[in-house]
C-alpha atoms as a PDB file:
ATOM      1  CA  SER A   1       9.820 -22.514   1.024  1.00  0.00           C
ATOM      2  CA  ASP A   2       6.173 -24.713   1.200  1.00  0.00           C
ATOM      3  CA  VAL A   3       4.755 -21.399   2.427  1.00  0.00           C
ATOM      4  CA  VAL A   4       5.484 -19.327   0.355  1.00  0.00           C
ATOM      5  CA  VAL A   5       4.743 -21.595  -3.480  1.00  0.00           C
ATOM      6  CA  GLN A   6       1.563 -22.451  -1.375  1.00  0.00           C
ATOM      7  CA  ARG A   7       1.452 -18.784  -1.551  1.00  0.00           C
ATOM      8  CA  ALA A   8       2.130 -17.778  -4.810  1.00  0.00           C
ATOM      9  CA  ARG A   9      -0.490 -21.193  -6.003  1.00  0.00           C
ATOM     10  CA  VAL A  10      -3.246 -19.338  -4.520  1.00  0.00           C
ATOM     11  CA  LEU A  11      -2.368 -15.902  -5.405  1.00  0.00           C
ATOM     12  CA  GLU A  12      -2.055 -17.662  -9.127  1.00  0.00           C
ATOM     13  CA  THR A  13      -5.254 -19.340  -8.449  1.00  0.00           C
ATOM     14  CA  LEU A  14      -7.649 -15.944  -7.693  1.00  0.00           C
ATOM     15  CA  GLY A  15      -6.758 -14.280 -10.059  1.00  0.00           C
ATOM     16  CA  LEU A  16      -7.308 -11.660  -8.645  1.00  0.00           C
ATOM     17  CA  GLN A  17      -7.729  -7.676 -11.218  1.00  0.00           C
ATOM     18  CA  ARG A  18      -7.192  -4.325 -10.555  1.00  0.00           C
ATOM     19  CA  GLY A  19     -10.399  -3.156  -8.512  1.00  0.00           C
ATOM     20  CA  GLN A  20     -11.279  -6.193  -6.306  1.00  0.00           C
ATOM     21  CA  HIS A  21     -12.405  -5.864  -3.021  1.00  0.00           C
ATOM     22  CA  VAL A  22     -10.486  -8.995  -0.940  1.00  0.00           C
ATOM     23  CA  LEU A  23     -11.495 -11.266   3.254  1.00  0.00           C
ATOM     24  CA  ASP A  24      -7.996 -12.638   4.436  1.00  0.00           C
ATOM     25  CA  ILE A  25      -9.587 -14.969   7.146  1.00  0.00           C
ATOM     26  CA  GLY A  26      -6.534 -15.675   9.722  1.00  0.00           C
ATOM     27  CA  SER A  27      -4.303 -12.820   7.805  1.00  0.00           C
ATOM     28  CA  GLY A  28      -0.981 -13.229  10.551  1.00  0.00           C
ATOM     29  CA  PRO A  29       1.481 -10.848   9.978  1.00  0.00           C
ATOM     30  CA  GLY A  30       0.162 -10.025   7.242  1.00  0.00           C
ATOM     31  CA  LEU A  31       2.300 -11.719   4.647  1.00  0.00           C
ATOM     32  CA  PHE A  32      -0.173 -12.608   1.873  1.00  0.00           C
ATOM     33  CA  ALA A  33      -2.411 -10.180   2.651  1.00  0.00           C
ATOM     34  CA  TRP A  34       0.672  -7.817   1.474  1.00  0.00           C
ATOM     35  CA  GLN A  35       0.883  -9.491  -1.675  1.00  0.00           C
ATOM     36  CA  LEU A  36      -3.201 -10.163  -2.037  1.00  0.00           C
ATOM     37  CA  ALA A  37      -3.489  -5.989  -1.625  1.00  0.00           C
ATOM     38  CA  ASN A  38      -0.508  -5.834  -4.660  1.00  0.00           C
ATOM     39  CA  ALA A  39      -2.940  -7.486  -7.027  1.00  0.00           C
ATOM     40  CA  VAL A  40      -5.584  -5.985  -5.859  1.00  0.00           C
ATOM     41  CA  GLY A  41      -4.666  -1.854  -6.301  1.00  0.00           C
ATOM     42  CA  PRO A  42      -5.275   0.881  -4.825  1.00  0.00           C
ATOM     43  CA  THR A  43      -8.642   0.457  -6.377  1.00  0.00           C
ATOM     44  CA  GLY A  44      -8.346  -2.626  -4.925  1.00  0.00           C
ATOM     45  CA  ARG A  45      -9.154  -3.366  -1.261  1.00  0.00           C
ATOM     46  CA  VAL A  46      -7.788  -5.904   1.121  1.00  0.00           C
ATOM     47  CA  VAL A  47      -9.479  -6.367   4.906  1.00  0.00           C
ATOM     48  CA  GLY A  48      -7.628  -9.040   7.038  1.00  0.00           C
ATOM     49  CA  LEU A  49      -8.525 -10.624  10.153  1.00  0.00           C
ATOM     50  CA  ASP A  50      -7.045 -12.393  12.721  1.00  0.00           C
ATOM     51  CA  LEU A  51      -7.507 -13.309  16.571  1.00  0.00           C
ATOM     52  CA  SER A  52      -4.180 -12.886  17.530  1.00  0.00           C
ATOM     53  CA  GLU A  53      -3.772  -9.274  18.517  1.00  0.00           C
ATOM     54  CA  PRO A  54       0.853  -9.279  18.488  1.00  0.00           C
ATOM     55  CA  MET A  55      -0.584 -10.234  14.466  1.00  0.00           C
ATOM     56  CA  LEU A  56      -2.081  -8.216  13.938  1.00  0.00           C
ATOM     57  CA  ALA A  57      -0.055  -5.024  14.864  1.00  0.00           C
ATOM     58  CA  VAL A  58       2.787  -7.069  12.614  1.00  0.00           C
ATOM     59  CA  ALA A  59       0.303  -6.739   9.360  1.00  0.00           C
ATOM     60  CA  ARG A  60      -0.941  -3.024  10.703  1.00  0.00           C
ATOM     61  CA  ASN A  61       2.831  -2.179  10.380  1.00  0.00           C
ATOM     62  CA  ARG A  62       4.190  -4.425   7.404  1.00  0.00           C
ATOM     63  CA  CYS A  63       1.322  -2.770   5.097  1.00  0.00           C
ATOM     64  CA  GLN A  64       1.706   0.711   6.710  1.00  0.00           C
ATOM     65  CA  HIS A  65       1.977   2.302   3.340  1.00  0.00           C
ATOM     66  CA  LEU A  66      -1.474   0.338   1.710  1.00  0.00           C
ATOM     67  CA  GLU A  67      -4.073   2.396   2.434  1.00  0.00           C
ATOM     68  CA  HIS A  68      -6.333   0.067   0.852  1.00  0.00           C
ATOM     69  CA  VAL A  69      -5.468  -2.611   3.379  1.00  0.00           C
END
């Protein structure tokens, strides 16, 4: 639950607007990338980077319906 609160605070602090582009470094399973994508909307763009191919596979699966990720 601490991580959920932390992500919410970071998202609030970023103050993202529709159409913005975001780089998520160390994106892991894509949970935050998914939230970022919802914040920037379909006119925005989210790129997630991670060293772990298995984590990227999970992230790709999670965000597969979001063309802007």
